[in-house]
């Protein structure tokens, strides 16, 4: 298993890069967990929570940004 602390820090850095886009629409994102099989669990908050485009935001925006920064990650799931 790769160093989970290093992976967590890199995931947090990737989230910081997408956070301004979410906040500009009145939302935000919170890291909940990184699973043992390297899936990132996040929670969309504010206007993003329950938005009809939230799954698209997760897959096309957040997931791509995280995987670009942390290629070990297999995907992003909503908590």
C-alpha atoms as a PDB file:
ATOM      1  CA  UNK A   1       0.000   0.000   0.000  1.00  0.00           C
ATOM      2  CA  UNK A   2       1.291   3.396  -0.951  1.00  0.00           C
ATOM      3  CA  UNK A   3       1.825   5.991   1.725  1.00  0.00           C
ATOM      4  CA  UNK A   4      -1.748   7.062   2.468  1.00  0.00           C
ATOM      5  CA  UNK A   5      -0.653  10.305   4.161  1.00  0.00           C
ATOM      6  CA  UNK A   6       1.152  11.394   0.996  1.00  0.00           C
ATOM      7  CA  UNK A   7      -1.835  10.436  -1.161  1.00  0.00           C
ATOM      8  CA  UNK A   8      -4.212  12.307   1.166  1.00  0.00           C
ATOM      9  CA  UNK A   9      -2.092  15.459   1.001  1.00  0.00           C
ATOM     10  CA  UNK A  10      -1.963  15.319  -2.804  1.00  0.00           C
ATOM     11  CA  UNK A  11      -5.735  14.755  -2.988  1.00  0.00           C
ATOM     12  CA  UNK A  12      -6.293  17.766  -0.713  1.00  0.00           C
ATOM     13  CA  UNK A  13      -4.045  19.854  -2.978  1.00  0.00           C
ATOM     14  CA  UNK A  14      -6.072  18.779  -6.029  1.00  0.00           C
ATOM     15  CA  UNK A  15      -9.309  19.693  -4.232  1.00  0.00           C
ATOM     16  CA  UNK A  16      -7.894  23.151  -3.474  1.00  0.00           C
ATOM     17  CA  UNK A  17      -7.464  23.671  -7.224  1.00  0.00           C
ATOM     18  CA  UNK A  18     -11.132  22.900  -8.016  1.00  0.00           C
ATOM     19  CA  UNK A  19     -12.597  24.544  -4.903  1.00  0.00           C
ATOM     20  CA  UNK A  20     -12.660  28.117  -6.388  1.00  0.00           C
ATOM     21  CA  UNK A  21     -14.833  26.895  -9.289  1.00  0.00           C
ATOM     22  CA  UNK A  22     -17.295  25.271  -6.897  1.00  0.00           C
ATOM     23  CA  UNK A  23     -17.309  28.298  -4.610  1.00  0.00           C
ATOM     24  CA  UNK A  24     -17.998  30.627  -7.539  1.00  0.00           C
ATOM     25  CA  UNK A  25     -21.307  28.768  -7.931  1.00  0.00           C
ATOM     26  CA  UNK A  26     -22.060  28.928  -4.202  1.00  0.00           C
ATOM     27  CA  UNK A  27     -20.818  25.441  -3.373  1.00  0.00           C
ATOM     28  CA  UNK A  28     -17.857  23.678  -1.838  1.00  0.00           C
ATOM     29  CA  UNK A  29     -16.372  20.232  -1.411  1.00  0.00           C
ATOM     30  CA  UNK A  30     -15.171  18.252   1.596  1.00  0.00           C
ATOM     31  CA  UNK A  31     -12.853  15.245   1.636  1.00  0.00           C
ATOM     32  CA  UNK A  32     -14.504  12.499   3.674  1.00  0.00           C
ATOM     33  CA  UNK A  33     -12.192   9.524   3.202  1.00  0.00           C
ATOM     34  CA  UNK A  34      -9.773   7.688   0.964  1.00  0.00           C
ATOM     35  CA  UNK A  35     -10.699   4.017   0.896  1.00  0.00           C
ATOM     36  CA  UNK A  36      -8.234   1.149   1.108  1.00  0.00           C
ATOM     37  CA  UNK A  37      -8.873   0.426  -2.577  1.00  0.00           C
ATOM     38  CA  UNK A  38      -7.999   4.069  -3.426  1.00  0.00           C
ATOM     39  CA  UNK A  39     -11.373   5.646  -4.068  1.00  0.00           C
ATOM     40  CA  UNK A  40     -11.846   9.195  -2.805  1.00  0.00           C
ATOM     41  CA  UNK A  41     -15.075   9.915  -0.911  1.00  0.00           C
ATOM     42  CA  UNK A  42     -16.163  13.541  -1.028  1.00  0.00           C
ATOM     43  CA  UNK A  43     -19.222  15.518  -0.015  1.00  0.00           C
ATOM     44  CA  UNK A  44     -20.485  18.393  -2.128  1.00  0.00           C
ATOM     45  CA  UNK A  45     -21.783  21.244   0.010  1.00  0.00           C
ATOM     46  CA  UNK A  46     -23.758  24.434  -0.387  1.00  0.00           C
ATOM     47  CA  UNK A  47     -25.333  25.010  -3.797  1.00  0.00           C
ATOM     48  CA  UNK A  48     -23.500  21.955  -5.175  1.00  0.00           C
ATOM     49  CA  UNK A  49     -25.325  19.609  -2.806  1.00  0.00           C
ATOM     50  CA  UNK A  50     -28.371  18.301  -4.653  1.00  0.00           C
ATOM     51  CA  UNK A  51     -27.592  20.219  -7.824  1.00  0.00           C
ATOM     52  CA  UNK A  52     -28.782  18.360 -10.953  1.00  0.00           C
ATOM     53  CA  UNK A  53     -25.243  18.621 -12.337  1.00  0.00           C
ATOM     54  CA  UNK A  54     -23.500  17.378  -9.189  1.00  0.00           C
ATOM     55  CA  UNK A  55     -22.615  13.946 -10.604  1.00  0.00           C
ATOM     56  CA  UNK A  56     -21.266  15.561 -13.759  1.00  0.00           C
ATOM     57  CA  UNK A  57     -19.241  17.952 -11.588  1.00  0.00           C
ATOM     58  CA  UNK A  58     -17.865  15.016  -9.610  1.00  0.00           C
ATOM     59  CA  UNK A  59     -16.903  12.909 -12.620  1.00  0.00           C
ATOM     60  CA  UNK A  60     -15.865  15.501 -15.184  1.00  0.00           C
ATOM     61  CA  UNK A  61     -14.385  18.080 -12.835  1.00  0.00           C
ATOM     62  CA  UNK A  62     -13.360  16.788  -9.452  1.00  0.00           C
ATOM     63  CA  UNK A  63     -12.438  13.221 -10.423  1.00  0.00           C
ATOM     64  CA  UNK A  64     -10.361  14.320 -13.419  1.00  0.00           C
ATOM     65  CA  UNK A  65      -8.517  16.932 -11.356  1.00  0.00           C
ATOM     66  CA  UNK A  66      -7.715  14.425  -8.612  1.00  0.00           C
ATOM     67  CA  UNK A  67      -6.604  11.651 -10.978  1.00  0.00           C
ATOM     68  CA  UNK A  68      -4.394  14.119 -12.867  1.00  0.00           C
ATOM     69  CA  UNK A  69      -2.625  15.004  -9.595  1.00  0.00           C
ATOM     70  CA  UNK A  70      -2.811  11.546  -7.981  1.00  0.00           C
ATOM     71  CA  UNK A  71      -2.842   8.836 -10.682  1.00  0.00           C
ATOM     72  CA  UNK A  72      -3.059   6.081  -8.046  1.00  0.00           C
ATOM     73  CA  UNK A  73      -6.658   7.106  -7.311  1.00  0.00           C
ATOM     74  CA  UNK A  74      -9.225   4.892  -9.046  1.00  0.00           C
ATOM     75  CA  UNK A  75     -12.213   7.205  -8.801  1.00  0.00           C
ATOM     76  CA  UNK A  76     -14.282   9.663  -6.815  1.00  0.00           C
ATOM     77  CA  UNK A  77     -17.532   8.791  -5.085  1.00  0.00           C
ATOM     78  CA  UNK A  78     -20.075  10.974  -3.357  1.00  0.00           C
ATOM     79  CA  UNK A  79     -20.504  10.383   0.362  1.00  0.00           C
END
